[in-house]
Amino acid sequence: MVNADLLEILRCPVCVQEKSGELRLYRESWLICTRCGRKYPIVDDIPVMLIEEGEKWMGTAEEALPVPPPEP
């Protein structure tokens, strides 16, 4: 499980440049940007905050996201 303090400060690396870039936790395995919808996997309790990784999952519906996420 990702530390709650870390979750409070993490932001979408794309949206934080223009807006707040807030993320919400989904099924303890994904961070989803509330603005753009990029989905960042959490692998071995470490959020993978690479822009290309977030974009890879943008077209996937939340309920279709694999739990646990595959390693990048």
N, C-alpha and C. Protein backbone atom coordinates (compact mmCIF):
# COMPACT_ATOMS: atom_id res chain seq x y z
N MET A 1 0.84 -1.19 0.00
CA MET A 1 0.00 0.00 0.00
C MET A 1 0.88 1.25 0.00
N VAL A 2 0.52 2.21 -0.79
CA VAL A 2 1.28 3.45 -0.91
C VAL A 2 1.00 4.32 0.33
N ASN A 3 2.03 4.93 0.85
CA ASN A 3 1.93 5.80 2.00
C ASN A 3 0.93 6.93 1.74
N ALA A 4 0.04 7.19 2.69
CA ALA A 4 -0.98 8.22 2.54
C ALA A 4 -0.36 9.61 2.36
N ASP A 5 0.75 9.88 3.03
CA ASP A 5 1.41 11.18 2.88
C ASP A 5 1.92 11.37 1.46
N LEU A 6 2.43 10.30 0.86
CA LEU A 6 2.90 10.37 -0.52
C LEU A 6 1.74 10.62 -1.47
N LEU A 7 0.61 9.96 -1.24
CA LEU A 7 -0.56 10.16 -2.10
C LEU A 7 -1.05 11.60 -2.07
N GLU A 8 -0.88 12.27 -0.96
CA GLU A 8 -1.31 13.66 -0.84
C GLU A 8 -0.48 14.61 -1.70
N ILE A 9 0.79 14.29 -1.92
CA ILE A 9 1.66 15.22 -2.66
C ILE A 9 1.85 14.84 -4.13
N LEU A 10 1.54 13.59 -4.49
CA LEU A 10 1.70 13.18 -5.89
C LEU A 10 0.71 13.92 -6.78
N ARG A 11 1.16 14.28 -7.97
CA ARG A 11 0.33 14.98 -8.95
C ARG A 11 0.62 14.41 -10.34
N CYS A 12 -0.35 14.53 -11.23
CA CYS A 12 -0.16 14.12 -12.61
C CYS A 12 0.95 14.98 -13.21
N PRO A 13 2.00 14.37 -13.77
CA PRO A 13 3.11 15.17 -14.30
C PRO A 13 2.75 16.03 -15.49
N VAL A 14 1.64 15.75 -16.15
CA VAL A 14 1.20 16.57 -17.28
C VAL A 14 0.36 17.74 -16.78
N CYS A 15 -0.64 17.46 -15.98
CA CYS A 15 -1.61 18.48 -15.57
C CYS A 15 -1.10 19.43 -14.50
N VAL A 16 -0.10 19.02 -13.74
CA VAL A 16 0.39 19.88 -12.67
C VAL A 16 1.01 21.17 -13.24
N GLN A 17 1.38 21.15 -14.51
CA GLN A 17 1.97 22.34 -15.13
C GLN A 17 0.92 23.43 -15.34
N GLU A 18 -0.36 23.04 -15.53
CA GLU A 18 -1.41 24.02 -15.79
C GLU A 18 -2.40 24.17 -14.65
N LYS A 19 -2.71 23.06 -14.01
CA LYS A 19 -3.70 23.04 -12.93
C LYS A 19 -3.12 22.28 -11.75
N SER A 20 -3.99 21.80 -10.89
CA SER A 20 -3.51 21.11 -9.69
C SER A 20 -3.00 19.70 -9.98
N GLY A 21 -3.56 19.03 -11.00
CA GLY A 21 -3.08 17.69 -11.34
C GLY A 21 -3.40 16.64 -10.29
N GLU A 22 -4.52 16.81 -9.60
CA GLU A 22 -4.87 15.90 -8.51
C GLU A 22 -5.15 14.49 -9.02
N LEU A 23 -4.76 13.53 -8.19
CA LEU A 23 -4.93 12.12 -8.50
C LEU A 23 -5.85 11.49 -7.48
N ARG A 24 -6.60 10.49 -7.92
CA ARG A 24 -7.39 9.72 -6.97
C ARG A 24 -6.98 8.26 -7.05
N LEU A 25 -7.04 7.61 -5.93
CA LEU A 25 -6.64 6.21 -5.83
C LEU A 25 -7.81 5.33 -6.27
N TYR A 26 -7.51 4.36 -7.12
CA TYR A 26 -8.54 3.44 -7.60
C TYR A 26 -8.11 2.01 -7.29
N ARG A 27 -8.91 1.32 -6.52
CA ARG A 27 -8.70 -0.09 -6.17
C ARG A 27 -7.30 -0.37 -5.62
N GLU A 28 -6.73 0.59 -4.94
CA GLU A 28 -5.41 0.43 -4.31
C GLU A 28 -4.30 0.09 -5.30
N SER A 29 -4.59 0.18 -6.61
CA SER A 29 -3.62 -0.23 -7.63
C SER A 29 -3.36 0.80 -8.71
N TRP A 30 -4.15 1.86 -8.75
CA TRP A 30 -4.04 2.86 -9.81
C TRP A 30 -4.21 4.26 -9.25
N LEU A 31 -3.52 5.21 -9.85
CA LEU A 31 -3.74 6.63 -9.58
C LEU A 31 -4.30 7.22 -10.86
N ILE A 32 -5.46 7.85 -10.76
CA ILE A 32 -6.13 8.39 -11.94
C ILE A 32 -6.23 9.90 -11.80
N CYS A 33 -5.78 10.61 -12.83
CA CYS A 33 -5.83 12.07 -12.83
C CYS A 33 -7.29 12.51 -12.99
N THR A 34 -7.73 13.38 -12.10
CA THR A 34 -9.11 13.85 -12.14
C THR A 34 -9.35 14.82 -13.28
N ARG A 35 -8.31 15.33 -13.89
CA ARG A 35 -8.45 16.30 -14.98
C ARG A 35 -8.35 15.64 -16.35
N CYS A 36 -7.29 14.88 -16.61
CA CYS A 36 -7.06 14.36 -17.97
C CYS A 36 -7.40 12.89 -18.13
N GLY A 37 -7.52 12.16 -17.02
CA GLY A 37 -7.86 10.75 -17.11
C GLY A 37 -6.69 9.81 -17.31
N ARG A 38 -5.47 10.32 -17.27
CA ARG A 38 -4.33 9.41 -17.35
C ARG A 38 -4.35 8.49 -16.14
N LYS A 39 -3.96 7.24 -16.38
CA LYS A 39 -4.00 6.24 -15.31
C LYS A 39 -2.60 5.70 -15.07
N TYR A 40 -2.12 5.90 -13.86
CA TYR A 40 -0.77 5.50 -13.49
C TYR A 40 -0.83 4.27 -12.59
N PRO A 41 -0.17 3.18 -12.98
CA PRO A 41 -0.21 1.97 -12.15
C PRO A 41 0.66 2.10 -10.91
N ILE A 42 0.30 1.34 -9.90
CA ILE A 42 1.11 1.22 -8.69
C ILE A 42 1.64 -0.21 -8.68
N VAL A 43 2.95 -0.35 -8.85
CA VAL A 43 3.59 -1.66 -8.94
C VAL A 43 4.51 -1.84 -7.74
N ASP A 44 4.28 -2.90 -6.98
CA ASP A 44 5.07 -3.16 -5.77
C ASP A 44 5.08 -1.96 -4.83
N ASP A 45 3.91 -1.34 -4.66
CA ASP A 45 3.71 -0.18 -3.78
C ASP A 45 4.44 1.08 -4.25
N ILE A 46 4.85 1.10 -5.51
CA ILE A 46 5.54 2.27 -6.07
C ILE A 46 4.74 2.80 -7.26
N PRO A 47 4.24 4.05 -7.18
CA PRO A 47 3.53 4.63 -8.31
C PRO A 47 4.47 4.85 -9.50
N VAL A 48 4.04 4.40 -10.67
CA VAL A 48 4.82 4.57 -11.90
C VAL A 48 4.28 5.84 -12.57
N MET A 49 4.93 6.97 -12.32
CA MET A 49 4.43 8.27 -12.75
C MET A 49 5.04 8.75 -14.06
N LEU A 50 5.32 7.84 -14.96
CA LEU A 50 5.84 8.19 -16.29
C LEU A 50 4.68 8.61 -17.18
N ILE A 51 4.82 9.71 -17.89
CA ILE A 51 3.75 10.22 -18.74
C ILE A 51 3.32 9.17 -19.75
N GLU A 52 4.27 8.51 -20.40
CA GLU A 52 3.91 7.50 -21.41
C GLU A 52 3.16 6.32 -20.80
N GLU A 53 3.43 6.00 -19.55
CA GLU A 53 2.70 4.92 -18.88
C GLU A 53 1.26 5.36 -18.59
N GLY A 54 1.07 6.58 -18.16
CA GLY A 54 -0.27 7.10 -17.92
C GLY A 54 -1.09 7.18 -19.19
N GLU A 55 -0.45 7.56 -20.29
CA GLU A 55 -1.15 7.67 -21.57
C GLU A 55 -1.54 6.31 -22.12
N LYS A 56 -0.73 5.30 -21.84
CA LYS A 56 -0.99 3.96 -22.35
C LYS A 56 -2.35 3.43 -21.89
N TRP A 57 -2.79 3.85 -20.71
CA TRP A 57 -4.02 3.34 -20.12
C TRP A 57 -5.20 4.30 -20.24
N MET A 58 -5.04 5.43 -20.90
CA MET A 58 -6.11 6.42 -20.99
C MET A 58 -7.39 5.86 -21.60
N GLY A 59 -7.27 5.02 -22.61
CA GLY A 59 -8.44 4.48 -23.29
C GLY A 59 -9.09 3.30 -22.60
N THR A 60 -8.52 2.86 -21.50
CA THR A 60 -9.05 1.71 -20.78
C THR A 60 -10.04 2.18 -19.72
N ALA A 61 -11.22 1.60 -19.72
CA ALA A 61 -12.22 1.93 -18.70
C ALA A 61 -11.71 1.50 -17.33
N GLU A 62 -12.10 2.25 -16.32
CA GLU A 62 -11.63 1.95 -14.96
C GLU A 62 -11.90 0.51 -14.57
N GLU A 63 -13.10 0.02 -14.84
CA GLU A 63 -13.44 -1.33 -14.44
C GLU A 63 -12.68 -2.40 -15.21
N ALA A 64 -12.02 -2.01 -16.31
CA ALA A 64 -11.23 -2.95 -17.10
C ALA A 64 -9.73 -2.91 -16.74
N LEU A 65 -9.33 -2.02 -15.85
CA LEU A 65 -7.93 -1.93 -15.45
C LEU A 65 -7.52 -3.21 -14.71
N PRO A 66 -6.40 -3.80 -15.08
CA PRO A 66 -5.98 -5.02 -14.40
C PRO A 66 -5.49 -4.75 -12.97
N VAL A 67 -5.91 -5.64 -12.07
CA VAL A 67 -5.47 -5.56 -10.67
C VAL A 67 -4.89 -6.92 -10.31
N PRO A 68 -3.63 -6.99 -9.97
CA PRO A 68 -2.66 -5.89 -9.92
C PRO A 68 -2.22 -5.49 -11.33
N PRO A 69 -1.73 -4.26 -11.47
CA PRO A 69 -1.26 -3.80 -12.77
C PRO A 69 -0.03 -4.57 -13.23
N PRO A 70 0.11 -4.70 -14.55
CA PRO A 70 1.33 -5.35 -15.06
C PRO A 70 2.54 -4.43 -14.87
N GLU A 71 3.70 -5.01 -14.76
CA GLU A 71 4.91 -4.18 -14.65
C GLU A 71 5.18 -3.52 -15.99
N PRO A 72 5.63 -2.26 -15.96
CA PRO A 72 5.90 -1.54 -17.23
C PRO A 72 7.06 -2.13 -17.98
